Amino acid sequence: MQKLYLELASLENRGITIWLEGYPSNSQSVASQLSVREGSAYMRDYIFDEGVLKEIHFDKVDRQDES
């Protein structure tokens, strides 16, 4: 959790907004949510504007059972 928090806090300090499940969030909240939901998978989407990173989105990904 600490490593993820530090990574996201660094991005946040550079003015990059962080989103979780379609809602604006912050580094502390996202790191906490992802550590609590260790069994869930989240996909990162990086949003660029003219080659500059502006937003990072975390969206839950449904895992399908393989039989």
C-alpha atoms as a PDB file:
ATOM      1  CA  MET A   1       0.000   0.000   0.000  1.00  0.00           C
ATOM      2  CA  GLN A   2       2.800   2.417   0.897  1.00  0.00           C
ATOM      3  CA  LYS A   3       4.505   2.000  -2.494  1.00  0.00           C
ATOM      4  CA  LEU A   4       1.252   2.643  -4.373  1.00  0.00           C
ATOM      5  CA  TYR A   5       0.452   5.632  -2.171  1.00  0.00           C
ATOM      6  CA  LEU A   6       3.880   7.199  -2.789  1.00  0.00           C
ATOM      7  CA  GLU A   7       3.552   6.651  -6.549  1.00  0.00           C
ATOM      8  CA  LEU A   8       0.083   8.213  -6.680  1.00  0.00           C
ATOM      9  CA  ALA A   9       0.975  11.065  -4.318  1.00  0.00           C
ATOM     10  CA  SER A  10       3.865  11.967  -6.609  1.00  0.00           C
ATOM     11  CA  LEU A  11       1.514  12.089  -9.598  1.00  0.00           C
ATOM     12  CA  GLU A  12      -1.055  14.049  -7.623  1.00  0.00           C
ATOM     13  CA  ASN A  13       1.591  16.597  -6.593  1.00  0.00           C
ATOM     14  CA  ARG A  14       2.321  17.147 -10.289  1.00  0.00           C
ATOM     15  CA  GLY A  15      -1.331  18.104 -10.860  1.00  0.00           C
ATOM     16  CA  ILE A  16      -2.481  14.775 -12.279  1.00  0.00           C
ATOM     17  CA  THR A  17      -5.996  13.924 -11.147  1.00  0.00           C
ATOM     18  CA  ILE A  18      -6.809  10.459  -9.836  1.00  0.00           C
ATOM     19  CA  TRP A  19     -10.140   8.717 -10.435  1.00  0.00           C
ATOM     20  CA  LEU A  20     -11.581   5.572  -8.867  1.00  0.00           C
ATOM     21  CA  GLU A  21     -14.543   3.794 -10.463  1.00  0.00           C
ATOM     22  CA  GLY A  22     -15.514   6.928 -12.413  1.00  0.00           C
ATOM     23  CA  TYR A  23     -15.318   9.379  -9.493  1.00  0.00           C
ATOM     24  CA  PRO A  24     -12.612  11.913  -8.618  1.00  0.00           C
ATOM     25  CA  SER A  25     -10.457  10.597  -5.798  1.00  0.00           C
ATOM     26  CA  ASN A  26      -7.017  11.062  -4.261  1.00  0.00           C
ATOM     27  CA  SER A  27      -3.861   9.065  -3.634  1.00  0.00           C
ATOM     28  CA  GLN A  28      -4.695   8.107  -0.042  1.00  0.00           C
ATOM     29  CA  SER A  29      -8.214   6.934  -0.843  1.00  0.00           C
ATOM     30  CA  VAL A  30      -7.190   4.906  -3.895  1.00  0.00           C
ATOM     31  CA  ALA A  31      -4.280   3.233  -2.090  1.00  0.00           C
ATOM     32  CA  SER A  32      -6.576   2.345   0.817  1.00  0.00           C
ATOM     33  CA  GLN A  33      -9.362   0.994  -1.397  1.00  0.00           C
ATOM     34  CA  LEU A  34      -7.023  -1.116  -3.499  1.00  0.00           C
ATOM     35  CA  SER A  35      -5.301  -2.602  -0.459  1.00  0.00           C
ATOM     36  CA  VAL A  36      -8.644  -3.531   1.137  1.00  0.00           C
ATOM     37  CA  ARG A  37      -9.836  -5.191  -2.066  1.00  0.00           C
ATOM     38  CA  GLU A  38      -6.758  -7.323  -2.669  1.00  0.00           C
ATOM     39  CA  GLY A  39      -8.833 -10.033  -4.385  1.00  0.00           C
ATOM     40  CA  SER A  40     -10.119  -7.570  -6.967  1.00  0.00           C
ATOM     41  CA  ALA A  41      -8.295  -6.526 -10.106  1.00  0.00           C
ATOM     42  CA  TYR A  42      -8.113  -2.900 -11.163  1.00  0.00           C
ATOM     43  CA  MET A  43      -7.127  -1.607 -14.563  1.00  0.00           C
ATOM     44  CA  ARG A  44      -5.210   1.644 -14.881  1.00  0.00           C
ATOM     45  CA  ASP A  45      -6.097   4.013 -17.682  1.00  0.00           C
ATOM     46  CA  TYR A  46      -3.725   6.866 -18.386  1.00  0.00           C
ATOM     47  CA  ILE A  47      -5.394   9.936 -19.925  1.00  0.00           C
ATOM     48  CA  PHE A  48      -3.129  12.172 -21.979  1.00  0.00           C
ATOM     49  CA  ASP A  49      -3.778  15.591 -23.507  1.00  0.00           C
ATOM     50  CA  GLU A  50      -1.348  16.595 -26.237  1.00  0.00           C
ATOM     51  CA  GLY A  51       1.193  14.080 -24.943  1.00  0.00           C
ATOM     52  CA  VAL A  52       0.948  15.218 -21.306  1.00  0.00           C
ATOM     53  CA  LEU A  53      -0.448  12.917 -18.620  1.00  0.00           C
ATOM     54  CA  LYS A  54      -3.527  14.610 -17.118  1.00  0.00           C
ATOM     55  CA  GLU A  55      -5.472  11.852 -15.325  1.00  0.00           C
ATOM     56  CA  ILE A  56      -5.117   8.296 -14.108  1.00  0.00           C
ATOM     57  CA  HIS A  57      -8.243   6.165 -13.752  1.00  0.00           C
ATOM     58  CA  PHE A  58      -8.629   2.975 -11.730  1.00  0.00           C
ATOM     59  CA  ASP A  59     -11.538   0.776 -12.802  1.00  0.00           C
ATOM     60  CA  LYS A  60     -12.461  -2.600 -11.350  1.00  0.00           C
ATOM     61  CA  VAL A  61     -12.152  -5.463 -13.812  1.00  0.00           C
ATOM     62  CA  ASP A  62     -14.404  -8.490 -13.488  1.00  0.00           C
ATOM     63  CA  ARG A  63     -12.506 -11.749 -13.435  1.00  0.00           C
ATOM     64  CA  GLN A  64     -14.164 -14.658 -15.128  1.00  0.00           C
ATOM     65  CA  ASP A  65     -13.652 -18.075 -13.616  1.00  0.00           C
ATOM     66  CA  GLU A  66     -11.683 -20.379 -15.882  1.00  0.00           C
ATOM     67  CA  SER A  67     -13.001 -23.933 -15.922  1.00  0.00           C
END
